[in-house]
Amino acid sequence: MTLQDFKNTLGDSAPKPELSILLQSLWFDANNDWRTAHDLVDSLGGKDAAHVHAYLHRVEGDLFNARYWYGQAQEPVCTSDLSEEWESLVNKFIK
């Protein structure tokens, strides 16, 4: 799957079930469903989930919380455009 393949699914009624939870979260975010996107990663452990969690709090505008989650992910706080970070995360998790 490529980034463009993933983007082509954004008009579907739901994410493809074979997608990882992290990609499903990013799919919901791209479809303006922040709550579902957040709920999917909220209780997950690991640096990758923390990275998506950080991004989602940045989308929300909660930069204090985002900084915490970037720290948990051991990633620098992202200052690029949100759409660039979203694409970077999708590319990171596409297999």
C-alpha atoms as a PDB file:
ATOM      1  CA  MET A   1       0.000   0.000   0.000  1.00  0.00           C
ATOM      2  CA  THR A   2       1.196   3.506  -0.801  1.00  0.00           C
ATOM      3  CA  LEU A   3       0.243   6.828   0.704  1.00  0.00           C
ATOM      4  CA  GLN A   4      -1.965   7.475  -2.319  1.00  0.00           C
ATOM      5  CA  ASP A   5      -3.644   4.068  -1.941  1.00  0.00           C
ATOM      6  CA  PHE A   6      -4.397   4.970   1.671  1.00  0.00           C
ATOM      7  CA  LYS A   7      -5.728   8.385   0.693  1.00  0.00           C
ATOM      8  CA  ASN A   8      -7.966   6.700  -1.887  1.00  0.00           C
ATOM      9  CA  THR A   9      -9.735   4.855   0.954  1.00  0.00           C
ATOM     10  CA  LEU A  10     -10.675   8.058   2.787  1.00  0.00           C
ATOM     11  CA  GLY A  11     -13.991   8.252   0.929  1.00  0.00           C
ATOM     12  CA  ASP A  12     -14.970   4.756   2.078  1.00  0.00           C
ATOM     13  CA  SER A  13     -17.548   4.355   4.821  1.00  0.00           C
ATOM     14  CA  ALA A  14     -14.994   2.786   7.177  1.00  0.00           C
ATOM     15  CA  PRO A  15     -11.296   1.992   7.220  1.00  0.00           C
ATOM     16  CA  LYS A  16     -10.211  -1.331   5.794  1.00  0.00           C
ATOM     17  CA  PRO A  17     -10.215  -3.885   8.637  1.00  0.00           C
ATOM     18  CA  GLU A  18      -6.759  -5.146   7.694  1.00  0.00           C
ATOM     19  CA  LEU A  19      -5.232  -1.757   8.521  1.00  0.00           C
ATOM     20  CA  SER A  20      -3.310  -1.481  11.766  1.00  0.00           C
ATOM     21  CA  ILE A  21      -5.009   0.335  14.623  1.00  0.00           C
ATOM     22  CA  LEU A  22      -2.586   3.221  14.112  1.00  0.00           C
ATOM     23  CA  LEU A  23      -3.557   3.591  10.452  1.00  0.00           C
ATOM     24  CA  GLN A  24      -7.229   3.254  11.351  1.00  0.00           C
ATOM     25  CA  SER A  25      -6.761   6.089  13.835  1.00  0.00           C
ATOM     26  CA  LEU A  26      -5.177   8.267  11.151  1.00  0.00           C
ATOM     27  CA  TRP A  27      -7.993   7.304   8.760  1.00  0.00           C
ATOM     28  CA  PHE A  28     -10.616   8.515  11.260  1.00  0.00           C
ATOM     29  CA  ASP A  29      -8.654  11.702  11.863  1.00  0.00           C
ATOM     30  CA  ALA A  30      -8.606  12.415   8.123  1.00  0.00           C
ATOM     31  CA  ASN A  31     -12.371  11.877   8.110  1.00  0.00           C
ATOM     32  CA  ASN A  32     -12.906  14.496  10.825  1.00  0.00           C
ATOM     33  CA  ASP A  33     -13.651  11.962  13.561  1.00  0.00           C
ATOM     34  CA  TRP A  34     -11.073  13.010  16.134  1.00  0.00           C
ATOM     35  CA  ARG A  35     -12.845  11.245  18.998  1.00  0.00           C
ATOM     36  CA  THR A  36     -12.711   7.803  17.360  1.00  0.00           C
ATOM     37  CA  ALA A  37      -9.135   8.421  16.219  1.00  0.00           C
ATOM     38  CA  HIS A  38      -8.140   9.294  19.783  1.00  0.00           C
ATOM     39  CA  ASP A  39     -10.101   6.442  21.354  1.00  0.00           C
ATOM     40  CA  LEU A  40      -8.247   3.931  19.179  1.00  0.00           C
ATOM     41  CA  VAL A  41      -4.808   4.976  20.454  1.00  0.00           C
ATOM     42  CA  ASP A  42      -5.668   6.241  23.927  1.00  0.00           C
ATOM     43  CA  SER A  43      -5.051   2.957  25.726  1.00  0.00           C
ATOM     44  CA  LEU A  44      -2.328   1.565  23.461  1.00  0.00           C
ATOM     45  CA  GLY A  45       1.219   1.332  24.687  1.00  0.00           C
ATOM     46  CA  GLY A  46       4.398   1.829  22.753  1.00  0.00           C
ATOM     47  CA  LYS A  47       6.240   4.645  21.061  1.00  0.00           C
ATOM     48  CA  ASP A  48       4.309   4.440  17.789  1.00  0.00           C
ATOM     49  CA  ALA A  49       0.940   4.811  19.512  1.00  0.00           C
ATOM     50  CA  ALA A  50       2.348   7.670  21.590  1.00  0.00           C
ATOM     51  CA  HIS A  51       3.481   9.386  18.385  1.00  0.00           C
ATOM     52  CA  VAL A  52      -0.010   9.214  16.869  1.00  0.00           C
ATOM     53  CA  HIS A  53      -1.440  10.286  20.228  1.00  0.00           C
ATOM     54  CA  ALA A  54       0.863  13.331  20.213  1.00  0.00           C
ATOM     55  CA  TYR A  55      -0.201  14.248  16.698  1.00  0.00           C
ATOM     56  CA  LEU A  56      -3.890  13.969  17.634  1.00  0.00           C
ATOM     57  CA  HIS A  57      -3.471  16.291  20.612  1.00  0.00           C
ATOM     58  CA  ARG A  58      -1.705  18.722  18.329  1.00  0.00           C
ATOM     59  CA  VAL A  59      -4.721  18.550  15.980  1.00  0.00           C
ATOM     60  CA  GLU A  60      -6.934  19.217  18.984  1.00  0.00           C
ATOM     61  CA  GLY A  61      -4.865  22.265  19.837  1.00  0.00           C
ATOM     62  CA  ASP A  62      -3.739  20.878  23.207  1.00  0.00           C
ATOM     63  CA  LEU A  63      -0.021  21.550  22.786  1.00  0.00           C
ATOM     64  CA  PHE A  64       0.786  20.842  26.444  1.00  0.00           C
ATOM     65  CA  ASN A  65      -0.636  17.326  26.156  1.00  0.00           C
ATOM     66  CA  ALA A  66       0.935  16.883  22.700  1.00  0.00           C
ATOM     67  CA  ARG A  67       4.385  17.701  24.116  1.00  0.00           C
ATOM     68  CA  TYR A  68       3.894  15.040  26.789  1.00  0.00           C
ATOM     69  CA  TRP A  69       3.057  12.399  24.172  1.00  0.00           C
ATOM     70  CA  TYR A  70       5.949  13.388  21.909  1.00  0.00           C
ATOM     71  CA  GLY A  71       8.124  12.778  24.944  1.00  0.00           C
ATOM     72  CA  GLN A  72       6.553   9.355  25.468  1.00  0.00           C
ATOM     73  CA  ALA A  73       7.208   8.594  21.794  1.00  0.00           C
ATOM     74  CA  GLN A  74      10.788   9.830  22.163  1.00  0.00           C
ATOM     75  CA  GLU A  75      10.165  12.101  19.184  1.00  0.00           C
ATOM     76  CA  PRO A  76      10.885  15.808  18.863  1.00  0.00           C
ATOM     77  CA  VAL A  77       7.839  18.054  19.081  1.00  0.00           C
ATOM     78  CA  CYS A  78       6.646  18.465  15.519  1.00  0.00           C
ATOM     79  CA  THR A  79       6.303  22.000  14.229  1.00  0.00           C
ATOM     80  CA  SER A  80       5.550  21.222  10.590  1.00  0.00           C
ATOM     81  CA  ASP A  81       2.139  21.596   9.016  1.00  0.00           C
ATOM     82  CA  LEU A  82      -0.409  19.116  10.403  1.00  0.00           C
ATOM     83  CA  SER A  83      -1.014  17.640   6.945  1.00  0.00           C
ATOM     84  CA  GLU A  84       2.721  17.012   6.556  1.00  0.00           C
ATOM     85  CA  GLU A  85       2.881  15.266   9.900  1.00  0.00           C
ATOM     86  CA  TRP A  86      -0.194  13.182   9.033  1.00  0.00           C
ATOM     87  CA  GLU A  87       1.411  12.053   5.768  1.00  0.00           C
ATOM     88  CA  SER A  88       4.673  11.297   7.551  1.00  0.00           C
ATOM     89  CA  LEU A  89       2.858   9.133  10.089  1.00  0.00           C
ATOM     90  CA  VAL A  90       0.866   7.285   7.426  1.00  0.00           C
ATOM     91  CA  ASN A  91       4.091   6.584   5.520  1.00  0.00           C
ATOM     92  CA  LYS A  92       5.714   5.364   8.738  1.00  0.00           C
ATOM     93  CA  PHE A  93       3.015   2.760   9.338  1.00  0.00           C
ATOM     94  CA  ILE A  94       2.169   1.597   5.799  1.00  0.00           C
ATOM     95  CA  LYS A  95       3.453  -1.878   5.107  1.00  0.00           C
END
